[in-house]
Protein backbone atom coordinates (compact mmCIF):
# COMPACT_ATOMS: atom_id res chain seq x y z
CA MET A 1 0.28 0.11 0.24
CA SER A 2 1.75 3.00 -1.64
CA ASP A 3 -1.45 5.98 -0.63
CA PHE A 4 -2.16 7.65 2.65
CA TRP A 5 -4.11 10.40 4.21
CA LEU A 6 -1.98 12.08 6.54
CA GLY A 7 -4.20 13.63 9.26
CA ALA A 8 -7.75 14.76 11.51
CA ALA A 9 -9.57 17.57 10.10
CA SER A 10 -7.99 20.70 12.21
CA ARG A 11 -10.26 22.79 13.38
CA GLU A 12 -8.07 25.98 12.82
CA PRO A 13 -7.84 26.80 8.73
CA SER A 14 -4.50 28.16 9.74
CA ASP A 15 -1.54 26.21 8.80
CA ALA A 16 -0.34 26.36 12.76
CA ALA A 17 -2.35 23.46 13.69
CA MET A 18 -0.58 21.24 10.69
CA CYS A 19 1.69 21.22 13.76
CA GLY A 20 -0.75 21.17 16.44
CA ARG A 21 -2.76 17.62 18.06
CA ARG A 22 -4.68 17.04 16.25
CA GLU A 23 -3.10 16.67 12.46
CA LEU A 24 0.60 14.36 11.39
CA GLN A 25 3.41 16.42 12.24
CA ARG A 26 5.17 17.40 9.56
CA ARG A 27 8.56 16.38 10.43
CA HIS A 28 6.74 13.01 10.43
CA VAL A 29 5.12 14.20 6.65
CA ARG A 30 9.42 14.80 6.34
CA GLY A 31 11.05 11.58 7.22
CA LEU A 32 8.34 8.81 5.65
CA LEU A 33 9.28 11.10 2.03
CA ARG A 34 13.03 10.62 3.32
CA ARG A 35 12.67 6.87 4.16
CA ASN A 36 10.10 6.39 0.90
CA PRO A 37 10.06 8.73 -1.74
CA GLY A 38 7.52 7.13 -3.61
CA LEU A 39 4.56 7.58 -0.50
CA ASN A 40 1.74 9.32 -1.77
CA ILE A 41 1.13 11.59 1.40
CA VAL A 42 -2.37 13.92 1.05
CA ARG A 43 -2.45 16.40 3.48
CA VAL A 44 -5.40 17.86 4.76
CA ARG A 45 -4.45 21.35 2.94
CA ASP A 46 -3.26 18.84 0.34
CA ALA A 47 -6.92 17.89 -0.46
CA GLY A 48 -9.10 21.50 0.39
CA LEU A 49 -10.53 20.19 3.92
CA SER A 50 -8.78 22.68 6.23
CA GLY A 51 -10.75 23.21 8.44
CA ALA A 52 -13.73 20.23 7.30
CA ASP A 53 -14.76 18.10 10.29
CA ASP A 54 -14.48 14.58 10.63
CA PRO A 55 -16.68 12.70 9.19
CA ALA A 56 -15.86 15.30 6.48
CA VAL A 57 -12.34 13.84 5.86
CA LEU A 58 -13.73 10.81 6.26
CA GLU A 59 -15.56 10.58 3.33
CA TRP A 60 -13.74 12.12 1.41
CA ALA A 61 -10.55 9.64 2.88
CA ALA A 62 -13.14 6.57 1.42
CA GLY A 63 -14.29 7.81 -1.67
CA GLN A 64 -10.52 8.05 -3.04
CA GLY A 65 -9.83 4.41 -0.44
CA ARG A 66 -6.98 6.66 1.95
CA VAL A 67 -6.01 5.52 4.98
CA VAL A 68 -6.20 7.94 7.87
CA ILE A 69 -3.39 8.35 10.18
CA THR A 70 -3.39 10.56 12.66
CA HIS A 71 -3.48 12.19 16.39
CA ASP A 72 -6.89 13.05 17.57
CA VAL A 73 -7.26 10.02 19.77
CA SER A 74 -10.34 11.77 21.26
CA THR A 75 -12.67 11.91 18.16
CA LEU A 76 -12.05 11.20 14.05
CA THR A 77 -12.13 7.06 15.65
CA LYS A 78 -15.41 7.45 17.09
CA HIS A 79 -16.47 8.71 13.98
CA ALA A 80 -14.31 6.00 12.11
CA LEU A 81 -15.86 3.18 13.96
CA ASN A 82 -20.37 5.03 13.51
CA ARG A 83 -19.20 5.11 10.05
CA LEU A 84 -17.98 1.77 10.46
CA ALA A 85 -21.86 0.15 12.66
CA ALA A 86 -23.60 2.47 9.34
CA GLY A 87 -21.95 0.84 7.16
CA HIS A 88 -20.03 3.45 5.14
CA PRO A 89 -16.83 2.52 3.67
CA MET A 90 -14.14 2.76 6.44
CA PRO A 91 -10.66 2.44 4.93
CA GLY A 92 -9.17 1.36 8.03
CA VAL A 93 -7.39 4.66 10.95
CA PHE A 94 -4.08 4.71 11.98
CA GLU A 95 -4.30 6.66 15.06
CA LEU A 96 -0.45 7.66 16.88
CA ARG A 97 -0.62 7.51 19.97
CA SER A 98 0.86 10.60 22.16
CA GLY A 99 4.31 9.19 23.47
CA ALA A 100 4.90 7.62 20.39
CA GLY A 101 8.81 9.28 19.11
CA ILE A 102 9.88 10.28 15.83
CA GLY A 103 11.53 7.44 15.10
CA GLN A 104 9.50 4.35 15.84
CA ALA A 105 6.27 6.12 14.17
CA ILE A 106 7.92 6.47 10.96
CA ASP A 107 8.55 2.86 11.65
CA ASP A 108 5.56 1.77 12.40
CA LEU A 109 4.21 3.75 8.70
CA LEU A 110 7.01 2.29 6.29
CA LEU A 111 6.14 -1.92 6.97
CA LEU A 112 3.20 -1.19 7.44
CA ALA A 113 3.08 0.70 4.48
CA GLU A 114 5.62 -1.38 2.56
CA CYS A 115 3.94 -4.10 3.91
CA SER A 116 0.47 -2.91 3.66
CA HIS A 117 -1.37 -4.90 0.29
CA GLU A 118 -4.34 -2.48 -0.57
CA GLY A 119 -7.82 -3.06 1.29
CA GLU A 120 -5.75 -4.86 4.02
CA TRP A 121 -6.47 -2.15 6.76
CA GLU A 122 -10.16 -2.04 5.85
CA GLY A 123 -13.12 -1.38 8.69
CA GLN A 124 -10.27 -1.56 11.48
CA VAL A 125 -8.09 0.25 13.78
CA LEU A 126 -4.96 0.32 14.00
CA TYR A 127 -2.73 1.78 16.92
CA LEU A 128 0.80 3.52 17.03
CA PRO A 129 3.68 2.72 17.70
CA LEU A 130 2.99 -1.18 17.09
CA GLU A 131 3.02 -3.05 20.48
CA GLY A 132 5.72 -6.20 20.95
CA ARG A 133 8.03 -5.38 18.42
CA GLU A 134 11.70 -4.43 19.51
CA ARG A 135 14.27 -1.71 19.36
CA VAL A 136 17.29 -2.77 17.81
CA THR A 137 19.85 -0.59 17.81
CA GLU A 138 22.74 -1.48 15.93
CA ARG A 139 25.94 -1.09 17.49
CA ARG A 140 28.82 1.40 16.69
């Protein structure tokens, strides 16, 4: 899978909101693209949805077949589950837990992007970082 929809809807239309708690931070995007320039990443503002509410973001992502990646643990997951209960498509949500290190988040997102098949995360919410995975550090 190489198409990702990054970030939940922001209530504030300014660029500063993109770096806030509710949006996937720019450094995540830079890190992902640095490690895999072939990723097809779309952000809220790229799609013209700055300021849109969560249901509108999820609707757009479903129409595009994109997984949503977000820090918004308070509302987006609830709206994603409501979509499922109503029988609407939901290509998946990857939720970054607070306190997740940026390196771990990028590693996990790249693993998912490079090893997943199209439609594999349909109807699922996955919480990152992935549990039960040991970090391996190279000794120098």
